[in-house]
PDB file of all heavy atoms in Angstrom:
ATOM      1  N   TYR A   1       0.323  -5.616   0.754  1.00  0.00           N
ATOM      2  CA  TYR A   1       1.755  -5.781   0.703  1.00  0.00           C
ATOM      3  C   TYR A   1       2.155  -6.434  -0.531  1.00  0.00           C
ATOM      4  O   TYR A   1       1.307  -7.154  -1.190  1.00  0.00           O
ATOM      5  CB  TYR A   1       2.316  -6.463   1.923  1.00  0.00           C
ATOM      6  CG  TYR A   1       2.198  -5.712   3.225  1.00  0.00           C
ATOM      7  CD1 TYR A   1       0.921  -5.526   3.810  1.00  0.00           C
ATOM      8  CD2 TYR A   1       3.354  -5.142   3.789  1.00  0.00           C
ATOM      9  CE1 TYR A   1       0.752  -4.816   4.988  1.00  0.00           C
ATOM     10  CE2 TYR A   1       3.101  -4.474   4.994  1.00  0.00           C
ATOM     11  CZ  TYR A   1       1.865  -4.247   5.585  1.00  0.00           C
ATOM     12  OH  TYR A   1       1.720  -3.532   6.704  1.00  0.00           O
ATOM     13  N   ARG A   2       3.359  -6.532  -0.879  1.00  0.00           N
ATOM     14  CA  ARG A   2       3.805  -7.282  -2.143  1.00  0.00           C
ATOM     15  C   ARG A   2       5.203  -7.804  -1.984  1.00  0.00           C
ATOM     16  O   ARG A   2       5.972  -7.279  -1.228  1.00  0.00           O
ATOM     17  CB  ARG A   2       3.727  -6.391  -3.368  1.00  0.00           C
ATOM     18  CG  ARG A   2       4.674  -5.231  -3.478  1.00  0.00           C
ATOM     19  CD  ARG A   2       4.429  -4.376  -4.668  1.00  0.00           C
ATOM     20  NE  ARG A   2       5.383  -3.286  -4.860  1.00  0.00           N
ATOM     21  CZ  ARG A   2       5.290  -2.310  -5.658  1.00  0.00           C
ATOM     22  NH1 ARG A   2       4.275  -2.291  -6.526  1.00  0.00           N
ATOM     23  NH2 ARG A   2       6.214  -1.357  -5.825  1.00  0.00           N
ATOM     24  N   GLN A   3       5.415  -8.949  -2.651  1.00  0.00           N
ATOM     25  CA  GLN A   3       6.727  -9.493  -2.674  1.00  0.00           C
ATOM     26  C   GLN A   3       7.070  -9.978  -4.039  1.00  0.00           C
ATOM     27  O   GLN A   3       6.486 -10.818  -4.618  1.00  0.00           O
ATOM     28  CB  GLN A   3       6.703 -10.650  -1.621  1.00  0.00           C
ATOM     29  CG  GLN A   3       8.038 -11.320  -1.414  1.00  0.00           C
ATOM     30  CD  GLN A   3       8.096 -12.191  -0.209  1.00  0.00           C
ATOM     31  OE1 GLN A   3       6.938 -12.742   0.109  1.00  0.00           O
ATOM     32  NE2 GLN A   3       9.249 -12.583   0.298  1.00  0.00           N
ATOM     33  N   ALA A   4       8.186  -9.494  -4.509  1.00  0.00           N
ATOM     34  CA  ALA A   4       8.733  -9.782  -5.802  1.00  0.00           C
ATOM     35  C   ALA A   4       9.833 -10.925  -5.634  1.00  0.00           C
ATOM     36  O   ALA A   4      10.300 -11.039  -4.450  1.00  0.00           O
ATOM     37  CB  ALA A   4       9.421  -8.700  -6.524  1.00  0.00           C
ATOM     38  N   PRO A   5      10.050 -11.809  -6.563  1.00  0.00           N
ATOM     39  CA  PRO A   5      11.035 -12.837  -6.374  1.00  0.00           C
ATOM     40  C   PRO A   5      12.401 -12.384  -5.916  1.00  0.00           C
ATOM     41  O   PRO A   5      12.910 -11.321  -6.419  1.00  0.00           O
ATOM     42  CB  PRO A   5      11.229 -13.465  -7.795  1.00  0.00           C
ATOM     43  CG  PRO A   5       9.831 -13.175  -8.460  1.00  0.00           C
ATOM     44  CD  PRO A   5       9.431 -11.823  -7.918  1.00  0.00           C
ATOM     45  N   GLY A   6      12.879 -12.989  -4.773  1.00  0.00           N
ATOM     46  CA  GLY A   6      14.240 -12.624  -4.332  1.00  0.00           C
ATOM     47  C   GLY A   6      14.188 -11.292  -3.443  1.00  0.00           C
ATOM     48  O   GLY A   6      15.345 -10.820  -3.066  1.00  0.00           O
ATOM     49  N   THR A   7      13.104 -10.865  -3.068  1.00  0.00           N
ATOM     50  CA  THR A   7      12.950  -9.569  -2.262  1.00  0.00           C
ATOM     51  C   THR A   7      12.198  -9.833  -1.081  1.00  0.00           C
ATOM     52  O   THR A   7      11.477 -10.921  -0.938  1.00  0.00           O
ATOM     53  CB  THR A   7      12.341  -8.473  -3.085  1.00  0.00           C
ATOM     54  OG1 THR A   7      10.985  -8.670  -3.323  1.00  0.00           O
ATOM     55  CG2 THR A   7      13.129  -8.257  -4.378  1.00  0.00           C
ATOM     56  N   GLN A   8      12.214  -9.015  -0.038  1.00  0.00           N
ATOM     57  CA  GLN A   8      11.378  -8.980   1.135  1.00  0.00           C
ATOM     58  C   GLN A   8       9.979  -8.433   0.835  1.00  0.00           C
ATOM     59  O   GLN A   8       9.784  -7.647  -0.115  1.00  0.00           O
ATOM     60  CB  GLN A   8      11.997  -8.282   2.246  1.00  0.00           C
ATOM     61  CG  GLN A   8      13.319  -8.956   2.830  1.00  0.00           C
ATOM     62  CD  GLN A   8      13.791  -8.265   4.049  1.00  0.00           C
ATOM     63  OE1 GLN A   8      13.562  -7.071   4.281  1.00  0.00           O
ATOM     64  NE2 GLN A   8      14.490  -9.011   4.890  1.00  0.00           N
ATOM     65  N   ARG A   9       9.062  -8.927   1.618  1.00  0.00           N
ATOM     66  CA  ARG A   9       7.681  -8.395   1.437  1.00  0.00           C
ATOM     67  C   ARG A   9       7.746  -6.914   1.920  1.00  0.00           C
ATOM     68  O   ARG A   9       8.332  -6.529   2.805  1.00  0.00           O
ATOM     69  CB  ARG A   9       6.586  -9.170   2.362  1.00  0.00           C
ATOM     70  CG  ARG A   9       5.176  -8.823   2.070  1.00  0.00           C
ATOM     71  CD  ARG A   9       4.297  -9.826   2.812  1.00  0.00           C
ATOM     72  NE  ARG A   9       4.505 -11.173   2.411  1.00  0.00           N
ATOM     73  CZ  ARG A   9       3.781 -12.201   2.865  1.00  0.00           C
ATOM     74  NH1 ARG A   9       2.777 -11.961   3.689  1.00  0.00           N
ATOM     75  NH2 ARG A   9       3.965 -13.414   2.478  1.00  0.00           N
ATOM     76  N   GLU A  10       7.008  -6.141   1.091  1.00  0.00           N
ATOM     77  CA  GLU A  10       7.005  -4.593   1.334  1.00  0.00           C
ATOM     78  C   GLU A  10       5.575  -4.024   1.353  1.00  0.00           C
ATOM     79  O   GLU A  10       4.745  -4.607   0.731  1.00  0.00           O
ATOM     80  CB  GLU A  10       7.886  -3.897   0.299  1.00  0.00           C
ATOM     81  CG  GLU A  10       7.327  -3.932  -1.123  1.00  0.00           C
ATOM     82  CD  GLU A  10       8.050  -3.149  -2.155  1.00  0.00           C
ATOM     83  OE1 GLU A  10       9.070  -2.618  -1.750  1.00  0.00           O
ATOM     84  OE2 GLU A  10       7.659  -3.048  -3.270  1.00  0.00           O
ATOM     85  N   LEU A  11       5.484  -3.039   2.071  1.00  0.00           N
ATOM     86  CA  LEU A  11       4.175  -2.306   2.279  1.00  0.00           C
ATOM     87  C   LEU A  11       3.842  -1.670   0.879  1.00  0.00           C
ATOM     88  O   LEU A  11       4.752  -0.974   0.290  1.00  0.00           O
ATOM     89  CB  LEU A  11       4.128  -1.342   3.354  1.00  0.00           C
ATOM     90  CG  LEU A  11       2.891  -0.457   3.598  1.00  0.00           C
ATOM     91  CD1 LEU A  11       2.843  -0.237   5.074  1.00  0.00           C
ATOM     92  CD2 LEU A  11       3.012   0.826   2.820  1.00  0.00           C
ATOM     93  N   VAL A  12       2.610  -1.810   0.459  1.00  0.00           N
ATOM     94  CA  VAL A  12       2.210  -1.020  -0.614  1.00  0.00           C
ATOM     95  C   VAL A  12       1.246   0.159  -0.187  1.00  0.00           C
ATOM     96  O   VAL A  12       1.404   1.337  -0.586  1.00  0.00           O
ATOM     97  CB  VAL A  12       1.313  -1.878  -1.643  1.00  0.00           C
ATOM     98  CG1 VAL A  12       0.810  -1.142  -2.846  1.00  0.00           C
ATOM     99  CG2 VAL A  12       2.307  -3.036  -2.161  1.00  0.00           C
ATOM    100  N   ALA A  13       0.247  -0.186   0.598  1.00  0.00           N
ATOM    101  CA  ALA A  13      -0.750   0.703   0.997  1.00  0.00           C
ATOM    102  C   ALA A  13      -1.537   0.218   2.192  1.00  0.00           C
ATOM    103  O   ALA A  13      -1.719  -1.026   2.385  1.00  0.00           O
ATOM    104  CB  ALA A  13      -1.745   1.124  -0.048  1.00  0.00           C
ATOM    105  N   THR A  14      -1.918   1.025   3.183  1.00  0.00           N
ATOM    106  CA  THR A  14      -2.771   0.705   4.273  1.00  0.00           C
ATOM    107  C   THR A  14      -3.809   1.720   4.420  1.00  0.00           C
ATOM    108  O   THR A  14      -3.795   2.830   3.966  1.00  0.00           O
ATOM    109  CB  THR A  14      -1.907   0.581   5.630  1.00  0.00           C
ATOM    110  OG1 THR A  14      -1.341   1.850   5.872  1.00  0.00           O
ATOM    111  CG2 THR A  14      -0.857  -0.429   5.479  1.00  0.00           C
ATOM    112  N   ILE A  15      -4.911   1.303   5.084  1.00  0.00           N
ATOM    113  CA  ILE A  15      -6.051   2.180   5.435  1.00  0.00           C
ATOM    114  C   ILE A  15      -6.525   1.825   6.821  1.00  0.00           C
ATOM    115  O   ILE A  15      -6.755   0.651   7.150  1.00  0.00           O
ATOM    116  CB  ILE A  15      -7.090   2.041   4.370  1.00  0.00           C
ATOM    117  CG1 ILE A  15      -8.235   3.101   4.641  1.00  0.00           C
ATOM    118  CG2 ILE A  15      -7.602   0.518   4.243  1.00  0.00           C
ATOM    119  CD1 ILE A  15      -9.224   3.181   3.396  1.00  0.00           C
ATOM    120  N   THR A  16      -6.861   2.800   7.603  1.00  0.00           N
ATOM    121  CA  THR A  16      -7.253   2.554   8.991  1.00  0.00           C
ATOM    122  C   THR A  16      -8.876   2.414   8.967  1.00  0.00           C
ATOM    123  O   THR A  16      -9.547   2.616   7.934  1.00  0.00           O
ATOM    124  CB  THR A  16      -6.962   3.727   9.944  1.00  0.00           C
ATOM    125  OG1 THR A  16      -7.604   4.970   9.583  1.00  0.00           O
ATOM    126  CG2 THR A  16      -5.438   4.058   9.894  1.00  0.00           C
ATOM    127  N   GLY A  17      -9.366   2.148  10.133  1.00  0.00           N
ATOM    128  CA  GLY A  17     -10.844   2.068  10.237  1.00  0.00           C
ATOM    129  C   GLY A  17     -11.509   3.345   9.975  1.00  0.00           C
ATOM    130  O   GLY A  17     -12.734   3.337   9.656  1.00  0.00           O
ATOM    131  N   ILE A  18     -10.856   4.482  10.076  1.00  0.00           N
ATOM    132  CA  ILE A  18     -11.490   5.721   9.846  1.00  0.00           C
ATOM    133  C   ILE A  18     -11.116   6.294   8.485  1.00  0.00           C
ATOM    134  O   ILE A  18     -11.383   7.465   8.216  1.00  0.00           O
ATOM    135  CB  ILE A  18     -11.241   6.791  10.931  1.00  0.00           C
ATOM    136  CG1 ILE A  18      -9.790   7.045  11.097  1.00  0.00           C
ATOM    137  CG2 ILE A  18     -11.895   6.353  12.290  1.00  0.00           C
ATOM    138  CD1 ILE A  18      -9.455   8.083  12.019  1.00  0.00           C
ATOM    139  N   GLY A  19     -10.493   5.447   7.724  1.00  0.00           N
ATOM    140  CA  GLY A  19     -10.172   5.814   6.403  1.00  0.00           C
ATOM    141  C   GLY A  19      -8.878   6.555   6.058  1.00  0.00           C
ATOM    142  O   GLY A  19      -8.641   7.046   4.893  1.00  0.00           O
ATOM    143  N   ARG A  20      -7.983   6.626   7.052  1.00  0.00           N
ATOM    144  CA  ARG A  20      -6.710   7.236   6.844  1.00  0.00           C
ATOM    145  C   ARG A  20      -5.796   6.376   6.058  1.00  0.00           C
ATOM    146  O   ARG A  20      -5.671   5.138   6.422  1.00  0.00           O
ATOM    147  CB  ARG A  20      -6.065   7.567   8.229  1.00  0.00           C
ATOM    148  CG  ARG A  20      -4.770   8.292   8.100  1.00  0.00           C
ATOM    149  CD  ARG A  20      -4.330   8.826   9.432  1.00  0.00           C
ATOM    150  NE  ARG A  20      -5.292   9.809   9.966  1.00  0.00           N
ATOM    151  CZ  ARG A  20      -5.256  10.336  11.266  1.00  0.00           C
ATOM    152  NH1 ARG A  20      -4.291  10.009  12.031  1.00  0.00           N
ATOM    153  NH2 ARG A  20      -6.080  11.136  11.600  1.00  0.00           N
ATOM    154  N   THR A  21      -5.253   6.780   5.056  1.00  0.00           N
ATOM    155  CA  THR A  21      -4.376   5.983   4.103  1.00  0.00           C
ATOM    156  C   THR A  21      -2.873   6.324   4.188  1.00  0.00           C
ATOM    157  O   THR A  21      -2.520   7.389   4.526  1.00  0.00           O
ATOM    158  CB  THR A  21      -4.869   6.117   2.678  1.00  0.00           C
ATOM    159  OG1 THR A  21      -4.754   7.599   2.280  1.00  0.00           O
ATOM    160  CG2 THR A  21      -6.306   5.784   2.523  1.00  0.00           C
ATOM    161  N   ASN A  22      -2.189   5.306   3.836  1.00  0.00           N
ATOM    162  CA  ASN A  22      -0.712   5.466   3.742  1.00  0.00           C
ATOM    163  C   ASN A  22      -0.225   4.682   2.596  1.00  0.00           C
ATOM    164  O   ASN A  22      -0.624   3.500   2.307  1.00  0.00           O
ATOM    165  CB  ASN A  22       0.013   4.884   5.075  1.00  0.00           C
ATOM    166  CG  ASN A  22       1.467   5.056   5.028  1.00  0.00           C
ATOM    167  OD1 ASN A  22       2.029   6.106   4.718  1.00  0.00           O
ATOM    168  ND2 ASN A  22       2.141   3.957   5.292  1.00  0.00           N
ATOM    169  N   TYR A  23       0.787   5.319   1.764  1.00  0.00           N
ATOM    170  CA  TYR A  23       1.232   4.663   0.656  1.00  0.00           C
ATOM    171  C   TYR A  23       2.747   4.518   0.526  1.00  0.00           C
ATOM    172  O   TYR A  23       3.508   5.469   1.018  1.00  0.00           O
ATOM    173  CB  TYR A  23       0.814   5.315  -0.638  1.00  0.00           C
ATOM    174  CG  TYR A  23      -0.696   5.357  -0.843  1.00  0.00           C
ATOM    175  CD1 TYR A  23      -1.460   6.419  -0.390  1.00  0.00           C
ATOM    176  CD2 TYR A  23      -1.303   4.370  -1.567  1.00  0.00           C
ATOM    177  CE1 TYR A  23      -2.916   6.451  -0.624  1.00  0.00           C
ATOM    178  CE2 TYR A  23      -2.769   4.397  -1.763  1.00  0.00           C
ATOM    179  CZ  TYR A  23      -3.451   5.453  -1.329  1.00  0.00           C
ATOM    180  OH  TYR A  23      -4.884   5.424  -1.452  1.00  0.00           O
ATOM    181  N   ALA A  24       3.310   3.514  -0.033  1.00  0.00           N
ATOM    182  CA  ALA A  24       4.686   3.535  -0.359  1.00  0.00           C
ATOM    183  C   ALA A  24       4.990   4.593  -1.360  1.00  0.00           C
ATOM    184  O   ALA A  24       4.138   4.825  -2.204  1.00  0.00           O
ATOM    185  CB  ALA A  24       5.089   2.123  -0.970  1.00  0.00           C
ATOM    186  N   ASP A  25       6.151   5.127  -1.193  1.00  0.00           N
ATOM    187  CA  ASP A  25       6.588   6.280  -2.203  1.00  0.00           C
ATOM    188  C   ASP A  25       6.486   5.777  -3.701  1.00  0.00           C
ATOM    189  O   ASP A  25       6.092   6.554  -4.526  1.00  0.00           O
ATOM    190  CB  ASP A  25       7.963   6.748  -1.887  1.00  0.00           C
ATOM    191  CG  ASP A  25       8.031   7.571  -0.613  1.00  0.00           C
ATOM    192  OD1 ASP A  25       6.906   8.112  -0.242  1.00  0.00           O
ATOM    193  OD2 ASP A  25       9.114   7.830  -0.070  1.00  0.00           O
ATOM    194  N   SER A  26       6.803   4.527  -3.912  1.00  0.00           N
ATOM    195  CA  SER A  26       6.794   3.944  -5.256  1.00  0.00           C
ATOM    196  C   SER A  26       5.473   3.917  -5.951  1.00  0.00           C
ATOM    197  O   SER A  26       5.356   3.766  -7.174  1.00  0.00           O
ATOM    198  CB  SER A  26       7.491   2.669  -5.261  1.00  0.00           C
ATOM    199  OG  SER A  26       6.760   1.776  -4.443  1.00  0.00           O
ATOM    200  N   VAL A  27       4.424   3.979  -5.168  1.00  0.00           N
ATOM    201  CA  VAL A  27       3.078   3.856  -5.749  1.00  0.00           C
ATOM    202  C   VAL A  27       2.155   5.078  -5.582  1.00  0.00           C
ATOM    203  O   VAL A  27       1.074   5.151  -6.080  1.00  0.00           O
ATOM    204  CB  VAL A  27       2.265   2.578  -5.194  1.00  0.00           C
ATOM    205  CG1 VAL A  27       3.136   1.314  -5.326  1.00  0.00           C
ATOM    206  CG2 VAL A  27       1.984   2.821  -3.731  1.00  0.00           C
ATOM    207  N   LYS A  28       2.630   6.056  -4.939  1.00  0.00           N
ATOM    208  CA  LYS A  28       1.885   7.336  -4.608  1.00  0.00           C
ATOM    209  C   LYS A  28       1.480   7.937  -6.051  1.00  0.00           C
ATOM    210  O   LYS A  28       2.286   8.076  -6.907  1.00  0.00           O
ATOM    211  CB  LYS A  28       2.689   8.330  -3.796  1.00  0.00           C
ATOM    212  CG  LYS A  28       2.706   8.031  -2.312  1.00  0.00           C
ATOM    213  CD  LYS A  28       3.564   9.019  -1.608  1.00  0.00           C
ATOM    214  CE  LYS A  28       3.610   8.786  -0.088  1.00  0.00           C
ATOM    215  NZ  LYS A  28       4.365   9.664   0.696  1.00  0.00           N
ATOM    216  N   GLY A  29       0.228   8.359  -6.108  1.00  0.00           N
ATOM    217  CA  GLY A  29      -0.319   8.913  -7.383  1.00  0.00           C
ATOM    218  C   GLY A  29      -0.706   7.933  -8.370  1.00  0.00           C
ATOM    219  O   GLY A  29      -1.332   8.316  -9.345  1.00  0.00           O
ATOM    220  N   ARG A  30      -0.405   6.635  -8.081  1.00  0.00           N
ATOM    221  CA  ARG A  30      -0.777   5.662  -9.157  1.00  0.00           C
ATOM    222  C   ARG A  30      -1.804   4.575  -8.512  1.00  0.00           C
ATOM    223  O   ARG A  30      -2.632   4.119  -9.262  1.00  0.00           O
ATOM    224  CB  ARG A  30       0.444   4.906  -9.637  1.00  0.00           C
ATOM    225  CG  ARG A  30       1.461   5.814 -10.325  1.00  0.00           C
ATOM    226  CD  ARG A  30       2.587   4.958 -11.010  1.00  0.00           C
ATOM    227  NE  ARG A  30       3.334   4.069 -10.082  1.00  0.00           N
ATOM    228  CZ  ARG A  30       3.460   2.851 -10.086  1.00  0.00           C
ATOM    229  NH1 ARG A  30       2.817   2.128 -11.067  1.00  0.00           N
ATOM    230  NH2 ARG A  30       4.174   2.096  -9.156  1.00  0.00           N
ATOM    231  N   PHE A  31      -1.617   4.306  -7.268  1.00  0.00           N
ATOM    232  CA  PHE A  31      -2.425   3.344  -6.620  1.00  0.00           C
ATOM    233  C   PHE A  31      -3.389   4.001  -5.640  1.00  0.00           C
ATOM    234  O   PHE A  31      -3.004   5.092  -5.079  1.00  0.00           O
ATOM    235  CB  PHE A  31      -1.635   2.331  -5.806  1.00  0.00           C
ATOM    236  CG  PHE A  31      -0.796   1.450  -6.669  1.00  0.00           C
ATOM    237  CD1 PHE A  31      -0.634   1.535  -7.962  1.00  0.00           C
ATOM    238  CD2 PHE A  31      -0.190   0.253  -6.043  1.00  0.00           C
ATOM    239  CE1 PHE A  31       0.123   0.698  -8.790  1.00  0.00           C
ATOM    240  CE2 PHE A  31       0.602  -0.641  -6.777  1.00  0.00           C
ATOM    241  CZ  PHE A  31       0.673  -0.455  -8.143  1.00  0.00           C
ATOM    242  N   SER A  32      -4.557   3.432  -5.409  1.00  0.00           N
ATOM    243  CA  SER A  32      -5.561   3.978  -4.475  1.00  0.00           C
ATOM    244  C   SER A  32      -6.152   2.888  -3.679  1.00  0.00           C
ATOM    245  O   SER A  32      -6.638   1.907  -4.171  1.00  0.00           O
ATOM    246  CB  SER A  32      -6.672   4.776  -5.160  1.00  0.00           C
ATOM    247  OG  SER A  32      -7.580   5.334  -4.258  1.00  0.00           O
ATOM    248  N   ILE A  33      -6.107   3.019  -2.335  1.00  0.00           N
ATOM    249  CA  ILE A  33      -6.659   1.986  -1.391  1.00  0.00           C
ATOM    250  C   ILE A  33      -7.980   2.447  -0.887  1.00  0.00           C
ATOM    251  O   ILE A  33      -8.166   3.689  -0.562  1.00  0.00           O
ATOM    252  CB  ILE A  33      -5.671   1.544  -0.280  1.00  0.00           C
ATOM    253  CG1 ILE A  33      -6.270   0.346   0.499  1.00  0.00           C
ATOM    254  CG2 ILE A  33      -5.450   2.802   0.614  1.00  0.00           C
ATOM    255  CD1 ILE A  33      -5.177  -0.211   1.436  1.00  0.00           C
ATOM    256  N   SER A  34      -8.935   1.611  -0.739  1.00  0.00           N
ATOM    257  CA  SER A  34     -10.255   2.055  -0.246  1.00  0.00           C
ATOM    258  C   SER A  34     -10.900   0.800   0.456  1.00  0.00           C
ATOM    259  O   SER A  34     -10.510  -0.334   0.291  1.00  0.00           O
ATOM    260  CB  SER A  34     -11.196   2.560  -1.367  1.00  0.00           C
ATOM    261  OG  SER A  34     -11.405   1.566  -2.321  1.00  0.00           O
ATOM    262  N   ARG A  35     -11.930   1.013   1.231  1.00  0.00           N
ATOM    263  CA  ARG A  35     -12.730  -0.060   1.941  1.00  0.00           C
ATOM    264  C   ARG A  35     -14.058  -0.003   1.615  1.00  0.00           C
ATOM    265  O   ARG A  35     -14.704   1.046   1.243  1.00  0.00           O
ATOM    266  CB  ARG A  35     -12.464   0.100   3.404  1.00  0.00           C
ATOM    267  CG  ARG A  35     -11.150   0.008   3.871  1.00  0.00           C
ATOM    268  CD  ARG A  35     -10.985   0.088   5.397  1.00  0.00           C
ATOM    269  NE  ARG A  35     -11.528  -0.965   6.224  1.00  0.00           N
ATOM    270  CZ  ARG A  35     -11.098  -1.176   7.471  1.00  0.00           C
ATOM    271  NH1 ARG A  35     -10.106  -0.535   7.972  1.00  0.00           N
ATOM    272  NH2 ARG A  35     -11.664  -2.134   8.189  1.00  0.00           N
ATOM    273  N   GLY A  36     -14.764  -1.206   1.606  1.00  0.00           N
ATOM    274  CA  GLY A  36     -16.101  -1.257   1.291  1.00  0.00           C
ATOM    275  C   GLY A  36     -17.027  -0.601   2.511  1.00  0.00           C
ATOM    276  O   GLY A  36     -16.397  -0.403   3.536  1.00  0.00           O
TER     277      GLY A  36
END
């Protein structure tokens, strides 16, 4: 998640235990989440 000054904390990306991912529209195609 991320929080810029003066704004609320917002979701960036999540990943489940089986590797299913979810991204905020603003970062799709630019950010990638993964687990070790």
